[in-house]
Amino acid sequence: MATQTQTSRDVVLKVLEPIRNRGGRSLHVRVLDVRRTPRLDVREHINDDTFQGYTRKGICVTRDEFEALVAQAEMIRAALDQ
């Protein structure tokens, strides 16, 4: 079921497992409908005494941008292994 986010008019289509969860800060992975275009959103989420919600630290990419990133996966792995 799609839900409306509290901070924008973007519709959340799918929420996946966070890829990092450390001390009240996590890295959330979601698929959003942004102006009728599905996008992959990977964004920091904070949950502490002073703030709860998504930050501006993250990336939001279209399917084509995601596919271009995936196409470079081996080169990215090699660069990270150096």
Protein backbone atom coordinates (compact mmCIF):
# COMPACT_ATOMS: atom_id res chain seq x y z
CA MET A 1 0.00 0.00 0.00
CA ALA A 2 1.41 3.40 -0.98
CA THR A 3 1.58 6.04 1.74
CA GLN A 4 2.14 9.77 1.68
CA THR A 5 5.36 10.98 3.28
CA GLN A 6 5.14 13.61 5.99
CA THR A 7 7.76 15.89 4.45
CA SER A 8 6.73 16.04 0.78
CA ARG A 9 4.17 15.06 -1.78
CA ASP A 10 6.25 12.08 -2.90
CA VAL A 11 4.45 8.77 -2.52
CA VAL A 12 6.33 5.88 -0.92
CA LEU A 13 5.80 2.79 -3.07
CA LYS A 14 8.09 0.37 -1.22
CA VAL A 15 10.28 0.40 1.88
CA LEU A 16 13.22 -2.02 1.96
CA GLU A 17 15.46 -3.01 4.86
CA PRO A 18 17.88 -0.30 6.04
CA ILE A 19 21.42 -1.00 4.85
CA ARG A 20 22.99 0.61 7.91
CA ASN A 21 21.71 1.13 11.44
CA ARG A 22 24.07 2.74 13.92
CA GLY A 23 23.31 4.78 17.03
CA GLY A 24 20.02 6.36 16.03
CA ARG A 25 21.18 6.91 12.45
CA SER A 26 20.20 4.54 9.69
CA LEU A 27 20.42 4.44 5.92
CA HIS A 28 16.96 3.75 4.49
CA VAL A 29 16.20 2.39 1.03
CA ARG A 30 12.84 3.27 -0.50
CA VAL A 31 11.15 3.41 -3.87
CA LEU A 32 9.25 6.66 -4.30
CA ASP A 33 6.86 8.07 -6.86
CA VAL A 34 8.26 11.55 -7.51
CA ARG A 35 6.06 13.52 -9.88
CA ARG A 36 4.78 10.27 -11.42
CA THR A 37 8.30 8.91 -11.92
CA PRO A 38 9.50 5.97 -9.81
CA ARG A 39 12.84 6.65 -8.13
CA LEU A 40 15.20 4.79 -5.84
CA ASP A 41 15.87 6.86 -2.71
CA VAL A 42 18.74 5.98 -0.36
CA ARG A 43 18.72 8.46 2.51
CA GLU A 44 19.93 8.91 6.06
CA HIS A 45 17.23 8.74 8.73
CA ILE A 46 17.80 10.06 12.25
CA ASN A 47 15.87 8.95 15.31
CA ASP A 48 17.15 10.63 18.49
CA ASP A 49 16.03 13.07 21.20
CA THR A 50 16.46 16.19 19.06
CA PHE A 51 15.31 15.09 15.59
CA GLN A 52 13.33 12.33 13.95
CA GLY A 53 13.13 12.03 10.18
CA TYR A 54 14.97 11.96 6.88
CA THR A 55 17.94 14.21 6.26
CA ARG A 56 19.17 15.78 3.04
CA LYS A 57 22.08 13.31 3.02
CA GLY A 58 21.19 10.79 0.36
CA ILE A 59 20.62 10.09 -3.28
CA CYS A 60 17.47 9.80 -5.35
CA VAL A 61 17.86 8.27 -8.82
CA THR A 62 15.63 7.27 -11.72
CA ARG A 63 15.57 3.75 -13.12
CA ASP A 64 17.96 4.73 -15.93
CA GLU A 65 20.41 6.26 -13.44
CA PHE A 66 20.15 3.16 -11.25
CA GLU A 67 20.83 0.90 -14.24
CA ALA A 68 23.87 3.02 -15.18
CA LEU A 69 25.17 2.62 -11.63
CA VAL A 70 24.58 -1.16 -11.65
CA ALA A 71 26.40 -1.41 -15.01
CA GLN A 72 29.48 -0.02 -13.24
CA ALA A 73 29.22 -2.36 -10.23
CA GLU A 74 32.39 -4.33 -11.02
CA MET A 75 34.45 -1.16 -11.48
CA ILE A 76 33.06 0.24 -8.23
CA ARG A 77 33.91 -3.00 -6.37
CA ALA A 78 37.44 -2.94 -7.76
CA ALA A 79 37.91 0.69 -6.70
CA LEU A 80 36.62 -0.06 -3.19
CA ASP A 81 38.97 -3.05 -2.89
CA GLN A 82 42.09 -0.95 -3.60
